[in-house]
Protein backbone atom coordinates (compact mmCIF):
# COMPACT_ATOMS: atom_id res chain seq x y z
CA ARG A 1 1.45 18.75 -6.74
CA SER A 2 4.48 16.99 -5.34
CA LYS A 3 4.81 13.36 -4.87
CA LEU A 4 4.45 11.30 -1.37
CA GLY A 5 7.06 10.39 0.47
CA ILE A 6 7.28 7.67 3.42
CA ARG A 7 10.06 7.66 5.93
CA GLU A 8 9.95 4.98 8.93
CA LEU A 9 11.35 5.65 12.19
CA ARG A 10 11.98 2.84 14.43
CA THR A 11 12.16 3.67 17.91
CA ALA A 12 12.69 2.10 21.21
CA GLN A 13 11.84 5.64 22.98
CA PRO A 14 8.09 6.22 24.55
CA VAL A 15 5.72 8.20 22.89
CA PHE A 16 3.18 9.22 25.18
CA GLY A 17 4.38 7.43 27.46
CA HIS A 18 4.44 3.86 25.40
CA VAL A 19 6.80 2.58 23.03
CA PRO A 20 5.27 2.08 19.62
CA GLN A 21 5.66 -0.46 16.99
CA ASN A 22 6.37 1.64 14.29
CA VAL A 23 6.43 5.38 13.18
CA GLN A 24 5.97 6.61 9.87
CA ALA A 25 6.43 10.15 8.34
CA PHE A 26 4.44 11.32 5.36
CA LEU A 27 6.39 13.99 3.54
CA ARG A 28 4.81 16.06 0.27
CA GLY A 29 8.11 17.24 -1.16
CA ASN A 30 10.02 18.68 1.71
CA GLN A 31 7.38 19.51 3.78
CA LEU A 32 5.95 17.17 6.83
CA GLU A 33 2.37 16.10 6.38
CA ARG A 34 1.43 14.02 8.65
CA ILE A 35 3.21 11.57 11.55
CA VAL A 36 1.37 8.13 12.29
CA VAL A 37 2.57 6.93 15.35
CA THR A 38 1.64 2.59 15.34
CA TYR A 39 1.42 1.33 19.07
CA LEU A 40 -0.67 -1.66 18.26
CA ASP A 41 -1.02 -3.84 15.32
CA ALA A 42 -2.27 -7.18 15.17
CA GLY A 43 -0.37 -7.64 11.95
CA PHE A 44 3.02 -6.78 14.00
CA PHE A 45 1.93 -8.37 17.13
CA PHE A 46 1.44 -11.76 15.67
CA ALA A 47 4.44 -11.79 13.22
CA ASN A 48 6.89 -14.30 13.56
CA ARG A 49 5.93 -15.28 17.38
CA GLU A 50 3.29 -17.77 19.20
CA ALA A 51 1.55 -14.93 20.73
CA LYS A 52 -2.13 -15.53 22.04
CA ALA A 53 -5.19 -13.78 21.06
CA ARG A 54 -5.68 -13.28 24.80
CA GLU A 55 -2.19 -11.28 25.40
CA PHE A 56 -3.16 -9.02 22.24
CA ARG A 57 -6.28 -8.15 23.72
CA GLN A 58 -5.09 -7.53 27.42
CA THR A 59 -2.38 -4.87 25.51
CA PHE A 60 -5.28 -3.48 23.54
CA ARG A 61 -7.07 -2.53 26.80
CA VAL A 62 -4.33 -1.75 28.54
CA LEU A 63 -3.40 0.96 25.63
CA GLU A 64 -7.00 1.66 25.09
CA LYS A 65 -7.12 3.23 28.58
CA ALA A 66 -3.79 4.75 29.43
CA LEU A 67 -3.31 6.47 26.17
CA PRO A 68 -6.37 8.78 26.31
CA LYS A 69 -5.55 9.86 29.69
CA ARG A 70 -1.81 10.66 28.90
CA LEU A 71 -3.10 12.57 26.08
CA ALA A 72 -5.19 14.66 27.75
CA LYS A 73 -3.01 15.40 30.56
CA GLU A 74 -0.19 16.86 27.51
CA THR A 75 -2.39 18.72 25.44
CA ARG A 76 -4.71 19.96 28.17
CA THR A 77 -8.00 19.12 26.39
CA ARG A 78 -10.60 17.13 26.20
CA GLY A 79 -10.63 14.40 23.41
CA LYS A 80 -13.56 15.27 20.82
CA GLY A 81 -15.12 12.41 19.21
CA SER A 82 -14.85 12.52 15.30
CA ARG A 83 -15.63 10.50 12.28
CA GLN A 84 -13.61 10.19 8.90
CA GLY A 85 -14.87 8.46 5.75
CA ARG A 86 -18.35 6.47 4.33
CA GLY A 87 -19.38 2.96 4.57
CA GLU A 88 -16.51 0.02 5.01
CA MET A 89 -13.83 3.19 5.90
CA ARG A 90 -16.12 5.42 8.10
CA THR A 91 -13.61 5.46 11.22
CA ARG A 92 -14.16 6.92 14.72
CA THR A 93 -11.26 8.51 16.59
CA THR A 94 -11.00 11.09 19.55
CA GLU A 95 -9.28 13.96 18.69
CA TYR A 96 -7.07 16.22 21.03
CA THR A 97 -5.62 19.50 19.92
CA HIS A 98 -2.48 21.21 21.00
CA GLY A 99 -1.78 24.45 19.04
CA ASP A 100 -2.03 24.05 15.61
CA LEU A 101 -1.96 20.38 15.95
CA SER A 102 -4.65 17.68 15.69
CA LEU A 103 -3.68 14.48 17.57
CA ARG A 104 -6.68 11.51 16.54
CA LEU A 105 -6.51 8.53 18.61
CA LEU A 106 -7.72 5.15 16.74
CA CYS A 107 -8.50 2.19 18.30
CA GLU A 108 -9.94 -0.48 16.18
CA ASP A 109 -11.16 -3.23 18.06
CA GLY A 110 -8.92 -6.25 17.78
CA PHE A 111 -6.85 -4.81 15.41
CA LEU A 112 -5.15 -1.56 15.88
CA ILE A 113 -4.52 1.47 18.15
CA SER A 114 -2.63 4.44 16.36
CA LEU A 115 -2.11 8.21 16.52
CA THR A 116 -2.02 10.49 13.69
CA ILE A 117 -0.58 13.93 14.07
CA GLN A 118 -1.21 16.59 11.65
CA PRO A 119 -2.23 20.16 11.42
CA LYS A 120 -5.50 20.71 11.96
CA ALA A 121 -5.93 22.06 8.64
CA ASN A 122 -5.12 18.32 7.34
CA ALA A 123 -7.63 17.36 9.91
CA ASP A 124 -10.23 16.85 7.18
CA ARG A 125 -13.52 14.84 7.50
CA ASP A 126 -12.78 12.02 5.04
CA TRP A 127 -9.65 10.70 3.86
CA LEU A 128 -8.43 12.95 1.13
CA ALA A 129 -5.13 14.48 1.56
CA GLY A 130 -6.40 18.13 0.36
CA ARG A 131 -9.07 19.24 -1.89
CA LEU A 132 -9.31 17.34 -5.07
CA PRO A 133 -9.11 18.92 -8.07
CA SER A 134 -11.26 18.61 -11.07
CA ARG A 135 -12.05 15.59 -12.72
CA ASP A 136 -10.20 17.06 -16.10
CA ALA A 137 -7.64 18.31 -13.91
CA ARG A 138 -6.60 14.72 -12.15
CA ARG A 139 -6.48 13.35 -15.68
CA LYS A 140 -3.91 16.10 -16.47
CA LEU A 141 -1.70 15.07 -13.17
CA LEU A 142 -1.41 11.82 -13.76
CA ALA A 143 -0.87 11.88 -17.34
CA ALA A 144 1.92 13.90 -16.40
CA ASN A 145 3.81 11.39 -14.18
CA VAL A 146 4.09 8.81 -17.12
CA ARG A 147 7.63 8.83 -18.49
CA ARG A 148 8.74 7.54 -21.91
CA GLN A 149 12.04 6.17 -21.67
CA PRO A 150 14.82 5.86 -24.38
CA ASN A 151 14.73 1.81 -23.90
CA GLY A 152 11.12 2.00 -24.47
CA ASP A 153 9.81 1.67 -20.72
CA VAL A 154 6.79 3.58 -20.32
CA VAL A 155 6.59 4.33 -16.30
CA ILE A 156 4.50 5.66 -13.93
CA GLN A 157 6.51 7.65 -11.33
CA GLY A 158 5.50 8.70 -8.20
CA VAL A 159 3.99 6.12 -6.71
CA PRO A 160 4.39 5.73 -2.77
CA MET A 161 6.52 2.82 -1.34
CA ASN A 162 4.79 0.91 1.58
CA ASP A 163 7.02 -1.85 3.43
CA GLN A 164 5.06 -4.66 4.58
CA HIS A 165 7.77 -5.97 6.71
CA GLU A 166 7.19 -9.74 8.28
CA ARG A 167 3.29 -9.52 7.52
CA ALA A 168 1.24 -10.95 4.94
CA TYR A 169 -0.15 -7.95 3.94
CA CYS A 170 0.80 -7.76 0.18
CA VAL A 171 -2.72 -6.79 -0.80
CA ILE A 172 -3.60 -4.07 1.96
CA ALA A 173 -0.06 -2.82 1.46
CA SER A 174 -0.46 -2.75 -2.52
CA LEU A 175 -3.88 -0.72 -2.17
CA ALA A 176 -2.27 1.65 0.36
CA MET A 177 0.26 2.69 -2.71
CA VAL A 178 -1.85 2.86 -5.08
CA MET A 179 -4.94 4.81 -2.89
CA GLN A 180 -1.61 7.14 -1.74
CA TYR A 181 -0.51 7.77 -5.20
CA HIS A 182 -4.07 8.96 -5.92
CA GLY A 183 -4.61 11.15 -2.91
CA LEU A 184 -5.92 9.56 0.11
CA ALA A 185 -4.49 9.98 3.77
CA VAL A 186 -4.45 6.35 4.57
CA ASP A 187 -1.50 3.82 5.28
CA VAL A 188 -1.64 0.12 5.80
CA ASP A 189 -2.12 -0.47 9.52
CA LEU A 190 -5.30 1.26 8.82
CA LEU A 191 -6.47 -0.72 5.89
CA ALA A 192 -5.70 -3.81 7.13
CA ALA A 193 -8.07 -3.11 10.13
CA LYS A 194 -10.37 -2.09 7.58
CA ALA A 195 -10.34 -5.08 5.92
CA GLY A 196 -10.65 -7.41 8.73
CA TYR A 197 -7.37 -9.03 9.44
CA ARG A 198 -8.24 -10.28 12.64
CA GLY A 199 -4.50 -11.34 14.41
CA GLY A 200 -3.32 -10.13 11.60
CA LYS A 201 -4.48 -13.43 9.62
CA VAL A 202 -5.27 -12.73 6.22
CA ALA A 203 -7.87 -15.74 5.64
CA ARG A 204 -10.45 -13.57 7.72
CA ALA A 205 -10.08 -10.72 5.35
CA ASN A 206 -12.59 -9.09 3.50
CA TRP A 207 -10.42 -6.77 1.01
CA GLU A 208 -13.02 -6.93 -1.76
CA ASP A 209 -15.52 -4.64 0.22
CA LEU A 210 -12.57 -2.51 0.77
CA PHE A 211 -11.59 -2.37 -2.60
CA ARG A 212 -15.09 -0.68 -3.56
CA ALA A 213 -15.29 1.48 -0.72
CA ILE A 214 -11.54 2.93 -0.86
CA GLY A 215 -12.87 3.57 -4.51
CA ARG A 216 -15.73 5.48 -3.68
CA GLU A 217 -13.72 7.73 -1.27
CA ALA A 218 -10.99 8.66 -3.90
CA LYS A 219 -13.83 9.32 -6.31
CA LEU A 220 -12.32 6.73 -8.49
CA ARG A 221 -14.42 3.92 -10.36
CA LEU A 222 -13.47 0.14 -9.80
CA THR A 223 -12.98 -2.16 -12.87
CA ASP A 224 -11.92 -5.54 -11.81
CA SER A 225 -11.13 -8.86 -14.02
CA ASN A 226 -10.18 -12.42 -13.84
CA ARG A 227 -9.00 -12.17 -17.08
CA TYR A 228 -5.57 -11.02 -18.35
CA ARG A 229 -6.11 -7.68 -20.46
CA LEU A 230 -2.40 -6.07 -21.99
CA ARG A 231 -4.29 -4.06 -24.00
CA GLN A 232 -6.54 -2.21 -20.82
CA ILE A 233 -3.10 -2.69 -18.86
CA LYS A 234 -1.24 -0.27 -21.15
CA LYS A 235 -4.52 2.13 -21.62
CA ALA A 236 -3.90 2.72 -17.75
CA ILE A 237 -0.53 2.92 -17.49
CA ASP A 238 -0.74 5.73 -20.45
CA ARG A 239 -3.20 7.15 -18.29
CA GLY A 240 -0.82 7.52 -14.78
CA GLU A 241 -3.42 4.75 -13.42
CA PRO A 242 -1.17 2.22 -11.62
CA VAL A 243 -2.88 -1.53 -11.82
CA LEU A 244 -3.28 -3.96 -8.98
CA VAL A 245 -2.67 -7.26 -10.18
CA GLY A 246 -3.11 -10.99 -8.23
CA ARG A 247 -0.77 -13.34 -9.49
CA ALA A 248 0.67 -16.67 -8.89
CA PHE A 249 4.16 -16.38 -6.66
CA SER A 250 6.62 -18.99 -5.61
CA ARG A 251 9.92 -17.76 -3.81
CA GLU A 252 12.26 -19.76 -6.90
CA ARG A 253 10.91 -17.56 -9.54
CA ASP A 254 10.86 -14.28 -7.02
CA ALA A 255 14.35 -15.09 -6.70
CA LEU A 256 15.13 -15.06 -10.36
CA HIS A 257 13.46 -12.20 -10.95
CA ARG A 258 15.46 -10.34 -8.08
CA GLU A 259 18.87 -11.60 -9.47
CA PHE A 260 17.70 -10.59 -12.98
CA ALA A 261 16.87 -6.79 -11.51
CA ALA A 262 20.53 -6.78 -9.90
CA ARG A 263 21.76 -7.84 -13.64
CA TYR A 264 19.57 -5.78 -15.61
CA ALA A 265 20.78 -2.57 -13.29
CA HIS A 266 24.41 -3.20 -14.43
CA ASP A 267 23.70 -4.51 -17.99
CA PRO A 268 20.94 -2.81 -19.84
CA ASP A 269 21.11 -5.46 -22.80
CA ALA A 270 20.29 -7.91 -20.32
CA THR A 271 17.07 -10.22 -21.39
CA LEU A 272 14.85 -12.77 -19.90
CA PRO A 273 14.49 -15.82 -21.83
CA ASP A 274 11.73 -15.31 -24.93
CA PRO A 275 9.24 -18.62 -24.17
CA ARG A 276 9.71 -19.11 -27.69
CA SER A 277 13.02 -20.32 -27.53
CA LYS A 278 14.33 -23.53 -26.67
CA ALA A 279 15.74 -22.31 -23.46
CA GLY A 280 12.56 -19.82 -22.55
CA ARG A 281 10.51 -23.10 -23.06
CA GLN A 282 12.29 -24.72 -20.48
CA ASP A 283 12.23 -21.39 -18.27
CA ARG A 284 8.44 -21.15 -18.70
CA ARG A 285 8.16 -25.09 -16.32
CA GLN A 286 9.34 -22.55 -13.54
CA TRP A 287 6.35 -20.44 -13.81
CA PRO A 288 4.24 -20.41 -10.76
CA THR A 289 0.98 -21.74 -10.51
CA LEU A 290 -1.92 -21.15 -7.33
CA ARG A 291 -1.03 -24.78 -6.74
CA ASP A 292 2.09 -23.67 -5.74
CA GLY A 293 1.40 -21.58 -2.37
CA PRO A 294 -1.07 -18.68 -1.89
CA GLY A 295 -1.19 -16.42 -4.51
CA HIS A 296 0.46 -12.15 -4.12
CA MET A 297 -0.23 -8.96 -5.12
CA SER A 298 1.92 -6.71 -7.13
CA VAL A 299 1.35 -2.98 -8.51
CA ILE A 300 1.59 -2.99 -12.02
CA THR A 301 3.65 0.38 -12.76
CA GLY A 302 4.96 0.24 -16.43
CA TYR A 303 5.62 -1.73 -19.67
CA ASN A 304 7.89 -1.93 -22.35
CA ASP A 305 6.39 -3.14 -25.83
CA LYS A 306 10.21 -3.53 -27.52
CA ARG A 307 11.42 -5.94 -24.66
CA GLN A 308 7.87 -7.30 -24.23
CA GLU A 309 7.79 -6.95 -20.24
CA ILE A 310 5.46 -5.55 -18.02
CA LEU A 311 7.20 -3.41 -14.98
CA PHE A 312 5.90 -4.29 -11.32
CA THR A 313 6.41 -2.83 -8.00
CA GLU A 314 6.45 -5.43 -4.84
CA SER A 315 5.56 -3.66 -1.03
CA TRP A 316 9.37 -4.84 0.16
CA GLY A 317 10.69 -1.27 -0.14
CA GLU A 318 12.40 1.02 -2.50
CA ARG A 319 14.86 -1.78 -3.67
CA TYR A 320 12.04 -3.71 -5.28
CA ARG A 321 10.64 -0.93 -7.65
CA GLN A 322 10.24 -1.49 -11.23
CA ARG A 323 10.86 -5.19 -11.53
CA ARG A 324 10.56 -6.76 -14.98
CA MET A 325 8.90 -9.91 -16.17
CA ARG A 326 7.88 -11.17 -19.60
CA THR A 327 4.25 -10.39 -20.69
CA GLU A 328 3.71 -13.99 -21.51
CA GLU A 329 4.69 -14.75 -17.59
CA MET A 330 2.41 -11.79 -16.08
CA GLU A 331 -0.49 -13.15 -18.60
CA GLU A 332 -0.07 -16.91 -17.38
CA THR A 333 0.27 -15.83 -13.87
CA ALA A 334 -1.96 -13.20 -13.35
CA HIS A 335 -5.83 -14.31 -11.65
CA ALA A 336 -7.03 -10.74 -11.07
CA LEU A 337 -6.84 -7.38 -12.09
CA PHE A 338 -8.16 -4.26 -10.52
CA PHE A 339 -8.00 -0.87 -12.26
CA PHE A 340 -9.03 2.36 -10.47
CA GLY A 341 -9.65 4.99 -12.95
CA LEU A 342 -11.22 8.21 -13.21
């Protein structure tokens, strides 16, 4: 099965009469799988601006009324109610058809208005991007994604990238990356709405229930832990299963990891400070704690025993793949692990 790629298409041109906030094209290899047009997302709407909830509601109502009329006119079909998913992932949409295309309009009150355009054959009643193979076949496919590099890196390839942009969506964007990797046809905006990011605010979100629900949709078993378990992490990576990690975060420490990633790209012999050394003990004083600010979520995608490093990916764009952190620092700063496994 070829890997999923995501391309963002920012446009100032109207799509069915209205300018969207964002357009995403999901490609499987060189084949376009679906397009998701986001007209209104609470996270985008409230990010970095003094927007009022009343303004959001007014915009929502205008789009909620106008888009069905425009879609019905353009497709010459009456919208038909449809339903996808179960439990927390249950979603009601209105489906329009044009030739062999399905156009599904989603209006999640208070959160999101989006349109998914895809072939009718892909418009399944659940969120799976095609029929899942057997459990044994899935295990083999996942294991085939693991690469063991000459430098000692053991890394999972093929995890899609989702950019959370200026929104405080690290949990949801990281979750979307892992679920897309496992075959679910979901996106960040949808998951944020399902988690209840009302007004784009994380504090109001109920993402723990969403984790369990989406695991069931993907036919995966969710195991979580508030203790750092390196052995369990390495076993998951060896199986081709990325791990979600909630960890303490600071901008200063992030800058150090960003600078080291740039240095390592030019000098493969570059190393992070060993916490047992004098320089390492001094460096250790800079490790963040949850008292330093809000926590953060990343995707663990690999490890290197020789270098004693964990490889992790951030939901900030392609430049933030396979960053490196000493295993000791990850152990000290991690406060939650989420394993989605077969």
